C-alpha atoms as a PDB file:
ATOM      1  CA  MET A   1       9.277  44.236 -55.200  1.00  0.00           C
ATOM      2  CA  LYS A   2      12.740  43.877 -56.680  1.00  0.00           C
ATOM      3  CA  PRO A   3      15.434  42.935 -54.144  1.00  0.00           C
ATOM      4  CA  TYR A   4      17.980  45.577 -53.361  1.00  0.00           C
ATOM      5  CA  ARG A   5      21.113  44.956 -55.440  1.00  0.00           C
ATOM      6  CA  ASN A   6      23.513  45.236 -52.510  1.00  0.00           C
ATOM      7  CA  ALA A   7      21.435  42.788 -50.488  1.00  0.00           C
ATOM      8  CA  GLU A   8      21.508  40.250 -53.309  1.00  0.00           C
ATOM      9  CA  ARG A   9      25.251  40.750 -53.739  1.00  0.00           C
ATOM     10  CA  THR A  10      25.779  40.186 -50.008  1.00  0.00           C
ATOM     11  CA  LYS A  11      23.733  36.985 -50.162  1.00  0.00           C
ATOM     12  CA  GLN A  12      25.886  35.828 -53.084  1.00  0.00           C
ATOM     13  CA  TRP A  13      29.018  36.420 -50.997  1.00  0.00           C
ATOM     14  CA  ILE A  14      27.490  34.445 -48.142  1.00  0.00           C
ATOM     15  CA  ARG A  15      26.488  31.569 -50.445  1.00  0.00           C
ATOM     16  CA  ARG A  16      29.923  31.506 -52.063  1.00  0.00           C
ATOM     17  CA  ALA A  17      31.628  31.460 -48.644  1.00  0.00           C
ATOM     18  CA  PHE A  18      29.234  28.707 -47.564  1.00  0.00           C
ATOM     19  CA  THR A  19      30.077  26.483 -50.553  1.00  0.00           C
ATOM     20  CA  GLU A  20      33.804  27.057 -50.019  1.00  0.00           C
ATOM     21  CA  LEU A  21      33.537  26.104 -46.350  1.00  0.00           C
ATOM     22  CA  ILE A  22      31.406  23.036 -47.069  1.00  0.00           C
ATOM     23  CA  ALA A  23      33.973  21.924 -49.640  1.00  0.00           C
ATOM     24  CA  GLU A  24      36.732  22.301 -47.037  1.00  0.00           C
ATOM     25  CA  LYS A  25      34.974  21.011 -43.916  1.00  0.00           C
ATOM     26  CA  LYS A  26      32.689  18.401 -45.529  1.00  0.00           C
ATOM     27  CA  THR A  27      29.877  18.958 -43.038  1.00  0.00           C
ATOM     28  CA  ILE A  28      27.644  21.824 -42.039  1.00  0.00           C
ATOM     29  CA  GLY A  29      28.089  21.150 -38.325  1.00  0.00           C
ATOM     30  CA  LYS A  30      31.697  22.307 -38.481  1.00  0.00           C
ATOM     31  CA  ILE A  31      30.889  25.757 -39.913  1.00  0.00           C
ATOM     32  CA  THR A  32      30.340  28.699 -37.600  1.00  0.00           C
ATOM     33  CA  VAL A  33      28.646  31.991 -38.379  1.00  0.00           C
ATOM     34  CA  ASN A  34      31.846  33.811 -37.351  1.00  0.00           C
ATOM     35  CA  GLU A  35      33.864  31.800 -39.833  1.00  0.00           C
ATOM     36  CA  LEU A  36      31.330  32.225 -42.629  1.00  0.00           C
ATOM     37  CA  ALA A  37      31.048  35.983 -42.012  1.00  0.00           C
ATOM     38  CA  ARG A  38      34.839  36.327 -42.064  1.00  0.00           C
ATOM     39  CA  ARG A  39      35.067  34.337 -45.309  1.00  0.00           C
ATOM     40  CA  ALA A  40      32.306  36.446 -46.907  1.00  0.00           C
ATOM     41  CA  ASP A  41      33.985  39.626 -45.637  1.00  0.00           C
ATOM     42  CA  ILE A  42      30.875  40.762 -43.768  1.00  0.00           C
ATOM     43  CA  THR A  43      29.900  41.215 -40.137  1.00  0.00           C
ATOM     44  CA  LYS A  44      27.893  38.713 -38.112  1.00  0.00           C
ATOM     45  CA  THR A  45      25.137  41.323 -37.917  1.00  0.00           C
ATOM     46  CA  THR A  46      25.010  41.462 -41.714  1.00  0.00           C
ATOM     47  CA  PHE A  47      24.829  37.677 -41.853  1.00  0.00           C
ATOM     48  CA  TYR A  48      21.907  37.615 -39.411  1.00  0.00           C
ATOM     49  CA  TYR A  49      20.151  40.340 -41.368  1.00  0.00           C
ATOM     50  CA  HIS A  50      19.925  37.924 -44.318  1.00  0.00           C
ATOM     51  CA  TYR A  51      19.752  34.477 -42.655  1.00  0.00           C
ATOM     52  CA  ASP A  52      18.633  33.031 -39.339  1.00  0.00           C
ATOM     53  CA  ASP A  53      21.510  30.549 -39.169  1.00  0.00           C
ATOM     54  CA  ILE A  54      23.872  28.387 -41.224  1.00  0.00           C
ATOM     55  CA  TYR A  55      21.070  25.910 -41.865  1.00  0.00           C
ATOM     56  CA  ALA A  56      19.025  28.597 -43.624  1.00  0.00           C
ATOM     57  CA  VAL A  57      21.916  29.095 -46.055  1.00  0.00           C
ATOM     58  CA  ALA A  58      22.060  25.332 -46.604  1.00  0.00           C
ATOM     59  CA  GLU A  59      18.313  25.212 -47.219  1.00  0.00           C
ATOM     60  CA  GLU A  60      18.527  28.004 -49.776  1.00  0.00           C
ATOM     61  CA  PHE A  61      21.422  26.167 -51.459  1.00  0.00           C
ATOM     62  CA  GLU A  62      19.320  22.978 -51.601  1.00  0.00           C
ATOM     63  CA  ASN A  63      16.259  24.814 -52.887  1.00  0.00           C
ATOM     64  CA  LYS A  64      18.251  26.313 -55.763  1.00  0.00           C
ATOM     65  CA  LEU A  65      19.501  22.827 -56.705  1.00  0.00           C
ATOM     66  CA  ILE A  66      15.996  21.403 -56.500  1.00  0.00           C
ATOM     67  CA  GLY A  67      14.641  24.266 -58.606  1.00  0.00           C
ATOM     68  CA  ARG A  68      17.198  23.540 -61.335  1.00  0.00           C
ATOM     69  CA  LEU A  69      16.383  19.822 -61.106  1.00  0.00           C
ATOM     70  CA  ASN A  70      12.661  20.535 -61.554  1.00  0.00           C
ATOM     71  CA  GLU A  71      13.397  22.713 -64.606  1.00  0.00           C
ATOM     72  CA  THR A  72      15.483  19.904 -66.085  1.00  0.00           C
ATOM     73  CA  LEU A  73      12.788  17.309 -65.401  1.00  0.00           C
ATOM     74  CA  ASP A  74      10.170  19.561 -67.026  1.00  0.00           C
ATOM     75  CA  ARG A  75      12.335  19.716 -70.141  1.00  0.00           C
ATOM     76  CA  ILE A  76      13.043  15.955 -70.189  1.00  0.00           C
ATOM     77  CA  GLU A  77       9.379  15.069 -69.727  1.00  0.00           C
ATOM     78  CA  LYS A  78       8.331  17.449 -72.475  1.00  0.00           C
ATOM     79  CA  GLU A  79      10.903  16.110 -74.967  1.00  0.00           C
ATOM     80  CA  ASN A  80      10.289  12.371 -74.654  1.00  0.00           C
ATOM     81  CA  PRO A  81       8.092  11.221 -71.780  1.00  0.00           C
ATOM     82  CA  THR A  82       7.559   7.685 -73.065  1.00  0.00           C
ATOM     83  CA  ASP A  83      11.221   6.629 -73.162  1.00  0.00           C
ATOM     84  CA  TYR A  84      12.570   5.817 -69.706  1.00  0.00           C
ATOM     85  CA  THR A  85      16.130   5.423 -71.026  1.00  0.00           C
ATOM     86  CA  GLU A  86      16.065   9.042 -72.217  1.00  0.00           C
ATOM     87  CA  TYR A  87      14.649  10.103 -68.858  1.00  0.00           C
ATOM     88  CA  ILE A  88      17.463   8.332 -66.997  1.00  0.00           C
ATOM     89  CA  ARG A  89      20.054   9.684 -69.426  1.00  0.00           C
ATOM     90  CA  GLY A  90      18.745  13.234 -68.996  1.00  0.00           C
ATOM     91  CA  VAL A  91      18.769  13.021 -65.209  1.00  0.00           C
ATOM     92  CA  LEU A  92      22.303  11.605 -65.202  1.00  0.00           C
ATOM     93  CA  GLU A  93      23.528  14.316 -67.573  1.00  0.00           C
ATOM     94  CA  PHE A  94      22.048  16.911 -65.234  1.00  0.00           C
ATOM     95  CA  LEU A  95      23.798  15.260 -62.273  1.00  0.00           C
ATOM     96  CA  LYS A  96      27.114  15.175 -64.132  1.00  0.00           C
ATOM     97  CA  GLU A  97      26.817  18.874 -64.938  1.00  0.00           C
ATOM     98  CA  ASN A  98      25.968  19.652 -61.307  1.00  0.00           C
ATOM     99  CA  GLU A  99      27.935  16.905 -59.581  1.00  0.00           C
ATOM    100  CA  GLU A 100      30.036  19.149 -57.367  1.00  0.00           C
ATOM    101  CA  SER A 101      26.999  21.112 -56.185  1.00  0.00           C
ATOM    102  CA  TYR A 102      25.134  17.905 -55.351  1.00  0.00           C
ATOM    103  CA  ARG A 103      28.196  16.528 -53.551  1.00  0.00           C
ATOM    104  CA  LEU A 104      28.227  19.685 -51.451  1.00  0.00           C
ATOM    105  CA  ALA A 105      24.474  19.451 -50.798  1.00  0.00           C
ATOM    106  CA  VAL A 106      24.778  15.858 -49.655  1.00  0.00           C
ATOM    107  CA  ASN A 107      27.336  16.998 -47.088  1.00  0.00           C
ATOM    108  CA  ALA A 108      25.773  20.357 -46.261  1.00  0.00           C
ATOM    109  CA  SER A 109      22.307  19.308 -45.314  1.00  0.00           C
ATOM    110  CA  ASP A 110      20.352  17.056 -43.086  1.00  0.00           C
ATOM    111  CA  LEU A 111      20.711  14.236 -45.564  1.00  0.00           C
ATOM    112  CA  THR A 112      17.437  12.621 -44.577  1.00  0.00           C
ATOM    113  CA  ILE A 113      15.476  15.754 -45.468  1.00  0.00           C
ATOM    114  CA  PHE A 114      17.376  16.392 -48.713  1.00  0.00           C
ATOM    115  CA  ALA A 115      17.017  12.747 -49.811  1.00  0.00           C
ATOM    116  CA  SER A 116      13.323  12.854 -48.940  1.00  0.00           C
ATOM    117  CA  LYS A 117      12.826  15.986 -51.051  1.00  0.00           C
ATOM    118  CA  LEU A 118      14.537  14.329 -54.014  1.00  0.00           C
ATOM    119  CA  LYS A 119      12.544  11.120 -53.604  1.00  0.00           C
ATOM    120  CA  ASN A 120       9.266  13.040 -53.457  1.00  0.00           C
ATOM    121  CA  ILE A 121      10.083  15.016 -56.598  1.00  0.00           C
ATOM    122  CA  PHE A 122      10.908  11.916 -58.627  1.00  0.00           C
ATOM    123  CA  SER A 123       8.119   9.740 -57.207  1.00  0.00           C
ATOM    124  CA  ARG A 124       5.346  12.269 -57.844  1.00  0.00           C
ATOM    125  CA  ARG A 125       6.552  12.868 -61.376  1.00  0.00           C
ATOM    126  CA  MET A 126       7.147   9.240 -62.295  1.00  0.00           C
ATOM    127  CA  VAL A 127       3.973   7.493 -61.132  1.00  0.00           C
ATOM    128  CA  ASP A 128       1.992   8.462 -64.224  1.00  0.00           C
ATOM    129  CA  MET A 129       4.913   8.222 -66.653  1.00  0.00           C
ATOM    130  CA  ALA A 130       5.843   4.754 -65.391  1.00  0.00           C
ATOM    131  CA  ALA A 131       2.660   3.353 -66.939  1.00  0.00           C
ATOM    132  CA  MET A 132       4.012   4.424 -70.340  1.00  0.00           C
ATOM    133  CA  TRP A 133       7.329   2.782 -69.463  1.00  0.00           C
ATOM    134  CA  GLY A 134       5.747  -0.622 -68.975  1.00  0.00           C
ATOM    135  CA  PHE A 135       5.321  -0.636 -65.193  1.00  0.00           C
ATOM    136  CA  SER A 136       2.125  -2.124 -63.766  1.00  0.00           C
ATOM    137  CA  PRO A 137      -1.119  -0.780 -65.272  1.00  0.00           C
ATOM    138  CA  ASP A 138      -2.627  -0.963 -61.760  1.00  0.00           C
ATOM    139  CA  TYR A 139      -2.111   2.487 -60.169  1.00  0.00           C
ATOM    140  CA  GLU A 140      -1.626   1.193 -56.634  1.00  0.00           C
ATOM    141  CA  LYS A 141       0.926  -1.447 -57.638  1.00  0.00           C
ATOM    142  CA  ARG A 142       2.705   1.003 -59.969  1.00  0.00           C
ATOM    143  CA  THR A 143       2.944   3.562 -57.159  1.00  0.00           C
ATOM    144  CA  VAL A 144       4.664   0.989 -54.933  1.00  0.00           C
ATOM    145  CA  GLN A 145       6.991   0.029 -57.791  1.00  0.00           C
ATOM    146  CA  VAL A 146       7.895   3.676 -58.430  1.00  0.00           C
ATOM    147  CA  TYR A 147       8.479   4.527 -54.756  1.00  0.00           C
ATOM    148  CA  PHE A 148      10.658   1.439 -54.349  1.00  0.00           C
ATOM    149  CA  PHE A 149      12.585   2.218 -57.509  1.00  0.00           C
ATOM    150  CA  VAL A 150      13.038   5.929 -56.712  1.00  0.00           C
ATOM    151  CA  SER A 151      14.186   5.210 -53.155  1.00  0.00           C
ATOM    152  CA  ALA A 152      16.775   2.725 -54.355  1.00  0.00           C
ATOM    153  CA  CYS A 153      18.004   5.020 -57.142  1.00  0.00           C
ATOM    154  CA  THR A 154      18.186   8.118 -54.941  1.00  0.00           C
ATOM    155  CA  ASP A 155      20.025   6.294 -52.176  1.00  0.00           C
ATOM    156  CA  THR A 156      22.446   4.796 -54.699  1.00  0.00           C
ATOM    157  CA  VAL A 157      23.208   8.184 -56.248  1.00  0.00           C
ATOM    158  CA  ILE A 158      23.675   9.698 -52.781  1.00  0.00           C
ATOM    159  CA  GLN A 159      26.134   6.940 -51.889  1.00  0.00           C
ATOM    160  CA  TYR A 160      27.983   7.701 -55.122  1.00  0.00           C
ATOM    161  CA  LEU A 161      28.048  11.448 -54.315  1.00  0.00           C
ATOM    162  CA  LYS A 162      29.334  10.724 -50.810  1.00  0.00           C
ATOM    163  CA  GLY A 163      32.184   8.751 -52.385  1.00  0.00           C
ATOM    164  CA  ASP A 164      31.000   5.405 -50.993  1.00  0.00           C
ATOM    165  CA  LEU A 165      30.623   3.747 -54.421  1.00  0.00           C
ATOM    166  CA  PRO A 166      33.708   3.124 -56.546  1.00  0.00           C
ATOM    167  CA  SER A 167      31.812   3.548 -59.797  1.00  0.00           C
ATOM    168  CA  SER A 168      30.918   6.308 -62.224  1.00  0.00           C
ATOM    169  CA  LEU A 169      27.571   7.969 -62.820  1.00  0.00           C
ATOM    170  CA  ASP A 170      27.519   6.197 -66.183  1.00  0.00           C
ATOM    171  CA  MET A 171      27.747   2.819 -64.425  1.00  0.00           C
ATOM    172  CA  VAL A 172      25.016   3.873 -61.988  1.00  0.00           C
ATOM    173  CA  GLY A 173      22.849   4.784 -65.002  1.00  0.00           C
ATOM    174  CA  GLU A 174      23.451   1.411 -66.657  1.00  0.00           C
ATOM    175  CA  VAL A 175      22.424  -0.394 -63.477  1.00  0.00           C
ATOM    176  CA  ILE A 176      19.312   1.771 -63.064  1.00  0.00           C
ATOM    177  CA  ALA A 177      18.246   1.129 -66.674  1.00  0.00           C
ATOM    178  CA  GLY A 178      18.710  -2.604 -66.114  1.00  0.00           C
ATOM    179  CA  VAL A 179      16.574  -2.487 -62.975  1.00  0.00           C
ATOM    180  CA  VAL A 180      13.807  -0.691 -64.871  1.00  0.00           C
ATOM    181  CA  GLU A 181      13.792  -3.479 -67.438  1.00  0.00           C
ATOM    182  CA  LYS A 182      13.361  -6.053 -64.683  1.00  0.00           C
ATOM    183  CA  LEU A 183      10.644  -4.047 -62.909  1.00  0.00           C
ATOM    184  CA  LYS A 184       8.629  -3.886 -66.130  1.00  0.00           C
ATOM    185  CA  ARG A 185       8.093  -7.641 -66.064  1.00  0.00           C
END
């Protein structure tokens, strides 16, 4: 069934108000439903018709980002799955294009859950591809290598997005590519 146009428009207003408030307040815990409803120019009742709470809006925001990430990874893997440098470059280009949204997500969510979702996406996808990239031919050892690598990369990118690293995404990419070279040995 196709969603009612007004309902979808209202949800867009709520999501827009949410991203504005996250950008201003830097954390989801400081946003109230009253404030979000006022910013979206709706009533609290209308808000609760569409969402259970602020965290449901944050989860939907995250899920949209993760959906776009999965689409990008599908494209990257289809274009050149055997070249890890192209994979890293593609992921970093995606992050650059969506940097502000990911910065907001890092602040808007339970970071542990969001980071875990990202790590799971990359780890599941990379275990098989990593064999083509020169990681261990032994599946068990390669899986450990990939999970270690993905955890380190994800945490590093999150620190960058939080503003804790004084470098650029390009520098982060150079370091990640260098680490891959060392892991291949």
